[in-house]
Amino acid sequence: MFETISKGFRSISHLMKGTRELTEDNIDEALKDIRASLLEADVNYGVVKSFLKSVKERAVGETVQLKVKDKSGELRRATPGQHFIKICQEELESLMGPVDEQVLRIARKKPTKIMMAGLQGSGKTTTAGKLAYWLKERYDAKPMLVAADVYRPAAIKQLQVLGEQLGVPVFTAEGDPVEICVEAVEEARRQGCDYVIFDTAGRLAVDDLLMDELEEIVEETQPDNIFLVCDAMIGRDAVNTALQFNERLELDGFIMTKLDGDARGGAALSIKHVTGKPIKFIGEGEQLDKLKEFRPDGLASRILGFGDIVDVMMDFERLVDEEKAEKDAEDILSGNFNFHHFLDQISTIQQMGSLTDLFERMPFFSGLSDKIKVDDYELVRFRSMIESMTEKERLDPNLMNNKSRQRRVALGSGRQPKEVADLQQRFGAMREMMARVGQNQSWMSKIPGMKTVDQYRQLKNMDLNEVFGSILQDATAPQPQQQMMLPPGLPPGYTPPGFRGGATGRGSAAEKAKSKVKRKLARKSRKAGKR
């Protein structure tokens, strides 16, 4: 997501490396790359000009301090490059925000009416279902979906299917869409619904017939919230569509869809600046739980390559039982890691989305997709083999060293025996790694917030490629002589931004011996040349 936009921003570290101060020349050089990336990503030209002007004015006008305050208020050392990145992040957040404190306007008298508008193919009907799911999960509310798109029978059927999946009522009727919406509000009151969501008709393009119908629905039902569903894939056209809808309907905000695809992302950066209306939600997947409140700081952080750890933690809190997670963590770090724990971890990761998406949201992993191919199917493969094991085998992984058991599990999961043996080998390495981390807690783990950092340090000399090698494919070749500890799980050869050194690990004994032989031969060759 946002690879096109990110390209220019991620070059800042390289361009600013070694600079002692921010000058107009090095600022212009950095802004040149940023400008190219923004325009390539279909960001509105006026928005690009305004953004670059704001960044330059601040960067040239500010004196770079050796120590600056971060968001927590702590003083940290800062280089000119880091200071410039900080300015870019703040300006990106300003460009896309601020968001309203209250994401929805709640009616004093139930039900709260929400109208969904948009062009055909923008994901309006699916988003209506996602919003109903979000309301149920967030407020424990009872929403009603209204099929007001009478021109497309498939939309009515789709909404009914979504309603069955969610366990929420769906109001359908024949006739005029305006009358359907009015009747739906009365029916929602009778059923005691908290929210009613109108899934209105779309068109292939904005036209007067569509707008007249939507204006009539607004006049008759007086919706509390009017959202335009925008397809991020259509780029610059999304902003033009937003302007036309906003002129006629007075929108309350936007819902950006398909941000998990190959969207250039220009609309997300442009739409608030051009229309003055905020993005309320973003959709990042087809599943009903893939609708999230929009956070400008999180998106700005991802664009700059710093991930969005807050978003990851919010997903974990939603999916993981805290008490069970704490108990499992104690078992794992004490060396009692079994296949049940592993299966739970696989399930959690799969519920959070693809591995690529997860890595993009993690700090230090920016640009990972450019270096390697992340294979989600490996998790499916692992899961099928674990689910073919008996309860006894899952609780006692050592039993799976038996070749006969490996053949039986391979047969039950449709795999080859060597694949089961490979899983057992990787699981053993992972189990040993977890136990070592748990046993070697240093003084750092006693400091609040530093336990994870300490565990990262314990992973310094472990070859994690042996554990995760089949998931992280096509990694660059390992480099010997590691200079600095890297976060766990990185493939050999990949160095995150801000880290020095090469790959994880210090090179195998065979590599060292080979290198030693090469050095000896080189010395002999030089001596022979002198003679």
Protein backbone atom coordinates (compact mmCIF):
# COMPACT_ATOMS: atom_id res chain seq x y z
CA MET A 1 0.00 0.00 0.00
CA PHE A 2 1.21 3.52 -0.90
CA GLU A 3 4.48 2.20 -2.38
CA THR A 4 4.42 4.94 -5.03
CA ILE A 5 4.09 7.76 -2.49
CA SER A 6 6.53 6.17 -0.04
CA LYS A 7 9.30 5.94 -2.65
CA GLY A 8 10.14 9.65 -2.53
CA PHE A 9 9.95 9.96 1.25
CA ARG A 10 12.13 6.90 1.87
CA SER A 11 14.94 8.41 -0.19
CA ILE A 12 15.28 11.27 2.34
CA SER A 13 17.52 9.27 4.70
CA HIS A 14 19.97 8.55 1.87
CA LEU A 15 19.96 12.12 0.53
CA MET A 16 20.39 13.68 3.97
CA LYS A 17 23.06 11.24 5.15
CA GLY A 18 26.12 13.07 6.44
CA THR A 19 24.58 16.54 6.19
CA ARG A 20 25.29 18.79 9.18
CA GLU A 21 22.57 21.33 8.47
CA LEU A 22 19.44 21.84 6.42
CA THR A 23 20.21 24.16 3.53
CA GLU A 24 18.01 25.32 0.68
CA ASP A 25 20.03 23.15 -1.73
CA ASN A 26 19.69 19.83 0.11
CA ILE A 27 16.04 20.59 0.94
CA ASP A 28 15.27 21.23 -2.75
CA GLU A 29 17.03 17.98 -3.68
CA ALA A 30 14.90 15.98 -1.23
CA LEU A 31 11.69 17.74 -2.25
CA LYS A 32 12.37 16.93 -5.92
CA ASP A 33 12.02 13.18 -5.22
CA ILE A 34 8.98 13.73 -2.99
CA ARG A 35 7.29 15.84 -5.67
CA ALA A 36 7.83 13.16 -8.32
CA SER A 37 6.39 10.44 -6.05
CA LEU A 38 3.33 12.48 -5.09
CA LEU A 39 2.48 13.35 -8.69
CA GLU A 40 3.04 9.75 -9.82
CA ALA A 41 0.62 8.65 -7.08
CA ASP A 42 -2.11 10.92 -8.51
CA VAL A 43 -2.04 13.44 -5.67
CA ASN A 44 -3.84 16.63 -6.70
CA TYR A 45 -1.34 19.12 -8.22
CA GLY A 46 -2.52 21.98 -6.03
CA VAL A 47 -2.13 19.77 -2.94
CA VAL A 48 1.42 18.84 -3.98
CA LYS A 49 2.39 22.50 -4.40
CA SER A 50 0.88 23.46 -1.05
CA PHE A 51 2.53 20.53 0.77
CA LEU A 52 6.01 21.16 -0.67
CA LYS A 53 5.73 24.88 0.08
CA SER A 54 4.79 24.21 3.72
CA VAL A 55 7.63 21.71 4.21
CA LYS A 56 10.23 24.01 2.65
CA GLU A 57 9.12 27.07 4.63
CA ARG A 58 9.38 25.13 7.88
CA ALA A 59 12.63 23.35 7.03
CA VAL A 60 14.46 26.49 5.90
CA GLY A 61 13.06 28.63 8.66
CA GLU A 62 13.77 26.29 11.57
CA THR A 63 17.12 25.83 13.28
CA VAL A 64 17.92 22.15 13.72
CA GLN A 65 18.36 21.46 17.41
CA LEU A 66 20.66 18.72 18.62
CA LYS A 67 17.88 17.60 20.94
CA VAL A 68 14.17 17.72 20.14
CA LYS A 69 11.03 16.60 21.97
CA ASP A 70 9.20 13.58 20.61
CA LYS A 71 5.45 13.00 20.96
CA SER A 72 5.90 11.64 24.48
CA GLY A 73 7.70 14.82 25.52
CA GLU A 74 11.11 13.14 25.91
CA LEU A 75 14.28 14.83 24.62
CA ARG A 76 16.06 12.88 21.89
CA ARG A 77 19.08 13.57 19.70
CA ALA A 78 18.16 14.48 16.13
CA THR A 79 20.15 14.76 12.91
CA PRO A 80 19.15 17.24 10.17
CA GLY A 81 17.73 14.32 8.16
CA GLN A 82 15.60 13.13 11.07
CA HIS A 83 14.42 16.67 11.69
CA PHE A 84 13.38 16.98 8.03
CA ILE A 85 11.49 13.67 8.21
CA LYS A 86 9.72 14.90 11.35
CA ILE A 87 8.59 18.02 9.47
CA CYS A 88 7.33 15.85 6.58
CA GLN A 89 5.38 13.63 8.97
CA GLU A 90 3.72 16.57 10.71
CA GLU A 91 2.78 18.17 7.39
CA LEU A 92 1.36 14.87 6.10
CA GLU A 93 -0.76 14.56 9.23
CA SER A 94 -1.91 18.15 8.80
CA LEU A 95 -2.76 17.46 5.14
CA MET A 96 -5.01 14.48 5.94
CA GLY A 97 -6.38 15.67 9.28
CA PRO A 98 -7.49 16.55 11.76
CA VAL A 99 -10.31 14.04 12.10
CA ASP A 100 -13.47 14.79 14.04
CA GLU A 101 -13.42 13.75 17.69
CA GLN A 102 -16.72 11.95 17.13
CA VAL A 103 -16.57 9.71 14.08
CA LEU A 104 -20.40 9.57 13.84
CA ARG A 105 -23.04 12.18 14.60
CA ILE A 106 -25.51 10.40 16.92
CA ALA A 107 -29.21 11.35 16.75
CA ARG A 108 -30.98 12.37 19.95
CA LYS A 109 -33.90 10.16 18.99
CA LYS A 110 -33.24 6.67 17.62
CA PRO A 111 -32.48 5.52 15.03
CA THR A 112 -29.37 7.37 13.84
CA LYS A 113 -29.63 7.57 10.04
CA ILE A 114 -26.54 6.97 7.89
CA MET A 115 -26.65 7.46 4.13
CA MET A 116 -24.06 5.78 1.88
CA ALA A 117 -23.49 7.37 -1.53
CA GLY A 118 -21.00 6.66 -4.29
CA LEU A 119 -20.38 5.50 -7.84
CA GLN A 120 -20.94 1.93 -9.00
CA GLY A 121 -18.05 -0.38 -8.17
CA SER A 122 -16.74 1.74 -5.30
CA GLY A 123 -17.61 -0.97 -2.76
CA LYS A 124 -20.64 0.83 -1.35
CA THR A 125 -22.78 -2.23 -0.53
CA THR A 126 -19.90 -4.16 1.05
CA THR A 127 -18.93 -1.06 3.04
CA ALA A 128 -22.51 -0.74 4.32
CA GLY A 129 -22.16 -4.29 5.69
CA LYS A 130 -18.75 -3.48 7.18
CA LEU A 131 -20.18 -0.39 8.89
CA ALA A 132 -23.00 -2.49 10.37
CA TYR A 133 -20.38 -4.93 11.70
CA TRP A 134 -18.32 -2.03 13.13
CA LEU A 135 -21.38 -0.60 14.92
CA LYS A 136 -22.18 -4.00 16.44
CA GLU A 137 -18.62 -4.52 17.64
CA ARG A 138 -17.94 -0.95 18.77
CA TYR A 139 -21.24 0.01 20.42
CA ASP A 140 -23.00 -3.36 20.77
CA ALA A 141 -25.66 -1.66 18.64
CA LYS A 142 -28.50 -3.04 16.55
CA PRO A 143 -28.22 -1.64 12.99
CA MET A 144 -30.62 -2.12 10.08
CA LEU A 145 -29.47 -2.27 6.45
CA VAL A 146 -31.73 -0.71 3.81
CA ALA A 147 -31.62 -1.87 0.17
CA ALA A 148 -32.33 1.43 -1.61
CA ASP A 149 -30.56 0.45 -4.85
CA VAL A 150 -33.63 -0.84 -6.73
CA TYR A 151 -31.91 -0.64 -10.12
CA ARG A 152 -29.44 -3.44 -9.37
CA PRO A 153 -31.06 -6.66 -8.08
CA ALA A 154 -27.62 -8.09 -7.28
CA ALA A 155 -27.08 -5.28 -4.75
CA ILE A 156 -30.29 -6.22 -2.90
CA LYS A 157 -29.29 -9.90 -2.82
CA GLN A 158 -25.77 -9.01 -1.68
CA LEU A 159 -27.15 -6.89 1.17
CA GLN A 160 -29.46 -9.74 2.26
CA VAL A 161 -26.51 -12.15 2.34
CA LEU A 162 -24.48 -9.66 4.40
CA GLY A 163 -27.42 -9.22 6.78
CA GLU A 164 -27.62 -13.00 7.32
CA GLN A 165 -23.88 -13.17 8.04
CA LEU A 166 -24.10 -10.31 10.53
CA GLY A 167 -27.41 -11.26 12.10
CA VAL A 168 -28.93 -7.83 11.38
CA PRO A 169 -32.29 -7.00 9.74
CA VAL A 170 -32.35 -5.94 6.09
CA PHE A 171 -35.24 -3.81 4.84
CA THR A 172 -36.27 -4.45 1.23
CA ALA A 173 -39.30 -3.27 -0.73
CA GLU A 174 -40.37 -2.55 -4.29
CA GLY A 175 -40.98 0.92 -5.60
CA ASP A 176 -39.42 4.34 -5.26
CA PRO A 177 -36.05 4.51 -3.38
CA VAL A 178 -37.17 7.63 -1.48
CA GLU A 179 -40.31 5.90 -0.16
CA ILE A 180 -38.26 2.80 0.71
CA CYS A 181 -35.90 4.87 2.89
CA VAL A 182 -38.80 6.65 4.64
CA GLU A 183 -40.57 3.33 5.36
CA ALA A 184 -37.28 1.80 6.54
CA VAL A 185 -36.86 4.48 9.23
CA GLU A 186 -40.34 3.72 10.61
CA GLU A 187 -39.63 -0.02 10.54
CA ALA A 188 -36.30 0.51 12.33
CA ARG A 189 -38.13 2.39 15.09
CA ARG A 190 -40.67 -0.44 15.44
CA GLN A 191 -37.87 -3.03 15.71
CA GLY A 192 -35.88 -0.93 18.19
CA CYS A 193 -32.86 -0.50 15.90
CA ASP A 194 -30.17 1.97 16.95
CA TYR A 195 -28.91 2.74 13.43
CA VAL A 196 -30.33 2.56 9.92
CA ILE A 197 -27.91 2.46 6.96
CA PHE A 198 -29.19 3.44 3.49
CA ASP A 199 -27.38 1.65 0.65
CA THR A 200 -28.31 4.02 -2.17
CA ALA A 201 -27.96 3.52 -5.92
CA GLY A 202 -24.77 4.33 -7.77
CA ARG A 203 -24.00 5.29 -11.35
CA LEU A 204 -21.06 4.77 -13.67
CA ALA A 205 -20.61 8.55 -13.57
CA VAL A 206 -22.13 11.50 -11.71
CA ASP A 207 -25.38 12.61 -13.39
CA ASP A 208 -28.39 14.79 -12.54
CA LEU A 209 -30.79 11.83 -12.17
CA LEU A 210 -28.57 10.27 -9.49
CA MET A 211 -28.08 13.56 -7.65
CA ASP A 212 -31.78 14.47 -7.77
CA GLU A 213 -32.70 11.12 -6.24
CA LEU A 214 -30.09 11.43 -3.48
CA GLU A 215 -31.17 15.00 -2.70
CA GLU A 216 -34.77 13.82 -2.38
CA ILE A 217 -33.74 11.05 0.04
CA VAL A 218 -31.84 13.62 2.11
CA GLU A 219 -34.84 15.97 2.13
CA GLU A 220 -37.32 13.27 3.20
CA THR A 221 -35.23 11.33 5.74
CA GLN A 222 -32.83 14.01 7.08
CA PRO A 223 -29.87 11.62 7.57
CA ASP A 224 -27.55 12.36 10.50
CA ASN A 225 -24.48 11.26 8.53
CA ILE A 226 -23.88 11.33 4.76
CA PHE A 227 -20.78 9.41 3.68
CA LEU A 228 -19.32 9.17 0.19
CA VAL A 229 -17.66 5.82 -0.51
CA CYS A 230 -14.55 6.48 -2.66
CA ASP A 231 -12.56 3.89 -4.57
CA ALA A 232 -8.86 4.63 -3.93
CA MET A 233 -7.97 2.74 -7.13
CA ILE A 234 -9.35 5.47 -9.42
CA GLY A 235 -6.81 8.00 -8.17
CA ARG A 236 -7.34 11.62 -9.20
CA ASP A 237 -10.92 10.97 -10.36
CA ALA A 238 -11.90 10.16 -6.76
CA VAL A 239 -11.24 13.78 -5.76
CA ASN A 240 -13.26 15.15 -8.70
CA THR A 241 -16.16 12.84 -7.77
CA ALA A 242 -15.93 13.95 -4.13
CA LEU A 243 -16.17 17.61 -5.14
CA GLN A 244 -19.28 17.01 -7.26
CA PHE A 245 -21.07 15.02 -4.53
CA ASN A 246 -20.13 17.51 -1.83
CA GLU A 247 -21.54 20.44 -3.82
CA ARG A 248 -24.97 18.80 -3.99
CA LEU A 249 -25.23 16.80 -0.75
CA GLU A 250 -23.08 18.57 1.88
CA LEU A 251 -21.17 15.42 2.87
CA ASP A 252 -20.08 14.65 6.43
CA GLY A 253 -17.04 12.67 5.36
CA PHE A 254 -15.53 9.95 3.19
CA ILE A 255 -14.91 6.23 3.39
CA MET A 256 -11.87 5.21 1.32
CA THR A 257 -12.01 1.63 0.00
CA LYS A 258 -9.54 -0.79 -1.62
CA LEU A 259 -6.50 0.68 0.14
CA ASP A 260 -5.11 -2.85 0.46
CA GLY A 261 -4.69 -3.21 -3.31
CA ASP A 262 -2.34 -1.52 -5.74
CA ALA A 263 -3.88 1.86 -4.96
CA ARG A 264 -1.54 4.77 -5.60
CA GLY A 265 -3.12 6.52 -2.64
CA GLY A 266 -3.25 10.02 -4.07
CA ALA A 267 -6.92 10.45 -3.19
CA ALA A 268 -6.27 9.81 0.51
CA LEU A 269 -3.78 12.69 0.61
CA SER A 270 -5.83 15.06 -1.53
CA ILE A 271 -9.46 14.67 -0.54
CA LYS A 272 -9.48 16.52 2.81
CA HIS A 273 -7.43 19.45 1.47
CA VAL A 274 -9.61 19.85 -1.63
CA THR A 275 -13.09 19.36 -0.11
CA GLY A 276 -12.52 20.39 3.50
CA LYS A 277 -14.30 17.19 4.63
CA PRO A 278 -12.46 14.46 6.56
CA ILE A 279 -11.88 10.80 5.80
CA LYS A 280 -13.89 8.90 8.42
CA PHE A 281 -13.07 5.26 7.67
CA ILE A 282 -10.72 3.23 5.47
CA GLY A 283 -11.33 -0.24 4.04
CA GLU A 284 -8.32 -2.54 3.71
CA GLY A 285 -9.79 -5.90 2.76
CA GLU A 286 -12.90 -7.81 1.69
CA GLN A 287 -13.75 -9.25 5.12
CA LEU A 288 -16.44 -7.54 7.18
CA ASP A 289 -13.99 -6.64 9.95
CA LYS A 290 -11.68 -4.74 7.58
CA LEU A 291 -13.15 -1.28 8.18
CA LYS A 292 -11.18 1.00 10.49
CA GLU A 293 -11.43 4.53 11.76
CA PHE A 294 -9.04 6.74 9.83
CA ARG A 295 -5.96 7.92 11.75
CA PRO A 296 -3.84 10.51 9.86
CA ASP A 297 -0.83 9.90 12.13
CA GLY A 298 -0.89 6.16 11.42
CA LEU A 299 -1.12 6.60 7.66
CA ALA A 300 1.60 9.27 7.64
CA SER A 301 3.86 6.93 9.61
CA ARG A 302 3.30 4.10 7.11
CA ILE A 303 3.99 6.38 4.14
CA LEU A 304 7.32 7.38 5.71
CA GLY A 305 8.21 3.71 6.26
CA PHE A 306 7.84 3.59 10.05
CA GLY A 307 4.86 1.24 10.13
CA ASP A 308 1.83 1.70 12.35
CA ILE A 309 2.39 -0.23 15.56
CA VAL A 310 -0.73 1.33 17.16
CA ASP A 311 -2.89 -0.26 14.45
CA VAL A 312 -1.20 -3.64 14.98
CA MET A 313 -1.78 -3.47 18.75
CA MET A 314 -5.45 -2.52 18.22
CA ASP A 315 -5.87 -5.63 16.07
CA PHE A 316 -4.17 -7.79 18.71
CA GLU A 317 -6.42 -6.38 21.45
CA ARG A 318 -9.47 -7.17 19.33
CA LEU A 319 -8.42 -10.73 18.50
CA VAL A 320 -6.45 -11.94 21.51
CA ASP A 321 -7.68 -12.75 25.01
CA GLU A 322 -5.29 -10.86 27.31
CA GLU A 323 -5.24 -13.39 30.18
CA LYS A 324 -4.73 -16.34 27.83
CA ALA A 325 -2.01 -14.42 25.95
CA GLU A 326 -0.10 -13.75 29.19
CA LYS A 327 -0.29 -17.40 30.24
CA ASP A 328 0.80 -18.59 26.79
CA ALA A 329 3.72 -16.13 26.82
CA GLU A 330 4.92 -17.53 30.17
CA ASP A 331 4.70 -21.09 28.83
CA ILE A 332 6.47 -20.20 25.60
CA LEU A 333 9.35 -18.31 27.25
CA SER A 334 9.81 -21.07 29.82
CA GLY A 335 10.45 -23.59 27.04
CA ASN A 336 6.99 -25.21 27.02
CA PHE A 337 6.18 -24.04 23.50
CA ASN A 338 3.96 -26.66 21.84
CA PHE A 339 2.00 -27.04 18.61
CA HIS A 340 -1.18 -25.71 20.27
CA HIS A 341 0.60 -22.40 20.93
CA PHE A 342 1.92 -22.36 17.36
CA LEU A 343 -1.56 -23.02 15.94
CA ASP A 344 -3.01 -20.16 18.03
CA GLN A 345 -0.33 -17.81 16.68
CA ILE A 346 -1.03 -18.86 13.08
CA SER A 347 -4.79 -18.29 13.60
CA THR A 348 -4.20 -14.81 15.04
CA ILE A 349 -1.90 -13.80 12.17
CA GLN A 350 -4.38 -15.08 9.57
CA GLN A 351 -7.22 -13.12 11.19
CA MET A 352 -5.10 -9.95 11.08
CA GLY A 353 -4.74 -10.19 7.30
CA SER A 354 -1.84 -11.07 5.04
CA LEU A 355 1.75 -11.29 6.25
CA THR A 356 2.70 -8.57 3.78
CA ASP A 357 0.17 -6.20 5.33
CA LEU A 358 1.32 -7.12 8.85
CA PHE A 359 4.98 -6.46 7.98
CA GLU A 360 4.07 -3.10 6.40
CA ARG A 361 2.52 -2.02 9.70
CA MET A 362 5.52 -3.10 11.78
CA PRO A 363 8.36 -0.65 12.51
CA PHE A 364 11.73 -1.50 10.86
CA PHE A 365 10.07 -3.57 8.10
CA SER A 366 9.54 -0.82 5.52
CA GLY A 367 10.53 -1.87 2.03
CA LEU A 368 10.39 -5.56 2.95
CA SER A 369 8.13 -6.35 0.00
CA ASP A 370 10.73 -4.92 -2.36
CA LYS A 371 13.43 -7.25 -1.02
CA ILE A 372 11.63 -10.56 -0.61
CA LYS A 373 8.46 -12.43 -1.37
CA VAL A 374 6.32 -13.14 1.70
CA ASP A 375 4.38 -16.37 1.21
CA ASP A 376 1.07 -16.52 3.13
CA TYR A 377 0.42 -20.05 1.86
CA GLU A 378 3.16 -21.40 4.14
CA LEU A 379 0.92 -20.66 7.13
CA VAL A 380 -1.86 -22.70 5.50
CA ARG A 381 0.61 -25.53 4.92
CA PHE A 382 1.82 -25.45 8.54
CA ARG A 383 -1.75 -25.36 9.82
CA SER A 384 -2.88 -28.38 7.79
CA MET A 385 -0.02 -30.48 9.19
CA ILE A 386 -0.59 -29.42 12.82
CA GLU A 387 -4.33 -30.10 12.54
CA SER A 388 -3.52 -33.64 11.34
CA MET A 389 -1.65 -34.35 14.61
CA THR A 390 -3.23 -36.01 17.63
CA GLU A 391 -3.84 -34.08 20.85
CA LYS A 392 -0.93 -35.92 22.45
CA GLU A 393 1.44 -34.97 19.61
CA ARG A 394 0.45 -31.31 19.78
CA LEU A 395 1.13 -31.18 23.53
CA ASP A 396 4.42 -33.09 23.26
CA PRO A 397 6.21 -31.99 20.05
CA ASN A 398 9.10 -34.43 20.71
CA LEU A 399 6.80 -37.27 19.64
CA MET A 400 6.90 -35.89 16.11
CA ASN A 401 10.56 -36.87 15.77
CA ASN A 402 9.22 -40.37 15.06
CA LYS A 403 9.34 -41.11 11.30
CA SER A 404 6.19 -43.23 11.44
CA ARG A 405 4.22 -40.36 12.99
CA GLN A 406 5.60 -37.97 10.37
CA ARG A 407 4.40 -40.28 7.57
CA ARG A 408 0.92 -40.52 9.14
CA VAL A 409 0.61 -36.72 9.51
CA ALA A 410 1.84 -36.24 5.93
CA LEU A 411 -0.82 -38.64 4.66
CA GLY A 412 -3.56 -36.92 6.70
CA SER A 413 -2.63 -33.42 5.55
CA GLY A 414 -1.90 -34.23 1.91
CA ARG A 415 1.78 -33.34 2.31
CA GLN A 416 5.10 -35.09 1.82
CA PRO A 417 6.89 -36.66 4.84
CA LYS A 418 9.87 -34.36 4.23
CA GLU A 419 7.54 -31.34 4.67
CA VAL A 420 6.47 -32.64 8.09
CA ALA A 421 10.12 -33.25 8.99
CA ASP A 422 10.92 -29.71 7.87
CA LEU A 423 8.12 -28.32 10.06
CA GLN A 424 9.41 -30.31 13.03
CA GLN A 425 12.95 -29.01 12.48
CA ARG A 426 11.80 -25.39 12.24
CA PHE A 427 9.52 -25.77 15.22
CA GLY A 428 12.41 -27.17 17.25
CA ALA A 429 14.60 -24.18 16.37
CA MET A 430 11.77 -21.80 17.26
CA ARG A 431 11.17 -23.58 20.58
CA GLU A 432 14.86 -23.41 21.49
CA MET A 433 14.99 -19.73 20.55
CA MET A 434 11.97 -18.86 22.72
CA ALA A 435 13.39 -20.75 25.71
CA ARG A 436 16.76 -19.00 25.39
CA VAL A 437 15.08 -15.59 25.30
CA GLY A 438 13.04 -16.46 28.39
CA GLN A 439 16.05 -17.68 30.41
CA ASN A 440 18.42 -14.82 29.62
CA GLN A 441 16.44 -11.85 30.91
CA SER A 442 18.89 -9.05 31.75
CA TRP A 443 18.46 -5.97 33.92
CA MET A 444 16.74 -4.26 30.97
CA SER A 445 13.67 -6.47 31.39
CA LYS A 446 13.11 -4.99 34.86
CA ILE A 447 12.49 -1.55 33.34
CA PRO A 448 8.86 -0.91 32.28
CA GLY A 449 8.56 -0.97 28.50
CA MET A 450 12.06 -2.41 27.98
CA LYS A 451 11.25 -6.12 28.24
CA THR A 452 10.62 -6.46 24.51
CA VAL A 453 13.82 -4.56 23.69
CA ASP A 454 15.74 -6.91 25.96
CA GLN A 455 14.24 -9.93 24.21
CA TYR A 456 15.28 -8.44 20.84
CA ARG A 457 18.84 -8.30 22.15
CA GLN A 458 18.70 -11.95 23.18
CA LEU A 459 17.85 -12.87 19.58
CA LYS A 460 21.04 -11.24 18.29
CA ASN A 461 23.04 -14.33 17.34
CA MET A 462 20.19 -16.65 16.38
CA ASP A 463 19.77 -17.66 12.76
CA LEU A 464 16.07 -16.90 12.37
CA ASN A 465 16.22 -17.75 8.69
CA GLU A 466 16.37 -21.41 9.76
CA VAL A 467 13.02 -20.90 11.51
CA PHE A 468 11.16 -18.69 9.03
CA GLY A 469 13.07 -19.36 5.82
CA SER A 470 10.17 -20.90 3.91
CA ILE A 471 7.85 -18.01 4.76
CA LEU A 472 10.35 -15.29 3.85
CA GLN A 473 11.46 -16.27 0.36
CA ASP A 474 13.91 -14.87 -2.20
CA ALA A 475 15.97 -13.08 0.45
CA THR A 476 19.30 -11.65 -0.56
CA ALA A 477 22.40 -13.66 0.33
CA PRO A 478 23.66 -13.49 3.92
CA GLN A 479 26.50 -11.12 4.78
CA PRO A 480 29.08 -12.00 7.46
CA GLN A 481 30.31 -9.78 10.28
CA GLN A 482 27.10 -8.36 11.75
CA GLN A 483 27.78 -4.95 13.27
CA MET A 484 24.50 -4.24 15.03
CA MET A 485 21.54 -6.17 16.37
CA LEU A 486 18.48 -6.20 14.11
CA PRO A 487 14.84 -6.95 15.00
CA PRO A 488 13.87 -10.64 14.94
CA GLY A 489 12.39 -12.30 11.88
CA LEU A 490 14.36 -10.37 9.28
CA PRO A 491 15.75 -12.37 6.36
CA PRO A 492 19.53 -12.38 5.88
CA GLY A 493 20.71 -9.41 3.85
CA TYR A 494 17.80 -7.11 4.71
CA THR A 495 18.71 -4.03 6.74
CA PRO A 496 15.86 -1.75 7.90
CA PRO A 497 16.16 2.05 7.61
CA GLY A 498 18.21 3.55 10.42
CA PHE A 499 20.23 0.37 11.07
CA ARG A 500 23.83 -0.24 10.11
CA GLY A 501 25.37 -3.53 9.23
CA GLY A 502 24.32 -6.37 7.03
CA ALA A 503 22.38 -9.50 7.65
CA THR A 504 21.39 -11.27 10.80
CA GLY A 505 23.93 -13.79 12.05
CA ARG A 506 27.74 -13.80 11.91
CA GLY A 507 28.20 -16.32 9.14
CA SER A 508 28.57 -20.08 9.47
CA ALA A 509 31.83 -21.88 10.34
CA ALA A 510 32.04 -23.16 6.76
CA GLU A 511 31.79 -19.61 5.39
CA LYS A 512 34.52 -18.41 7.76
CA ALA A 513 36.81 -21.30 6.77
CA LYS A 514 36.18 -20.59 3.08
CA SER A 515 36.99 -16.90 3.62
CA LYS A 516 40.21 -17.85 5.46
CA VAL A 517 41.35 -20.05 2.54
CA LYS A 518 40.67 -17.19 0.10
CA ARG A 519 42.78 -14.79 2.17
CA LYS A 520 45.69 -17.28 2.26
CA LEU A 521 45.55 -17.77 -1.51
CA ALA A 522 45.47 -13.99 -2.01
CA ARG A 523 48.60 -13.56 0.18
CA LYS A 524 50.45 -16.29 -1.76
CA SER A 525 49.48 -14.65 -5.04
CA ARG A 526 50.79 -11.27 -3.89
CA LYS A 527 54.12 -12.82 -2.74
CA ALA A 528 54.52 -14.62 -6.07
CA GLY A 529 53.93 -11.34 -7.90
CA LYS A 530 56.68 -9.58 -5.93
CA ARG A 531 59.22 -12.26 -6.89
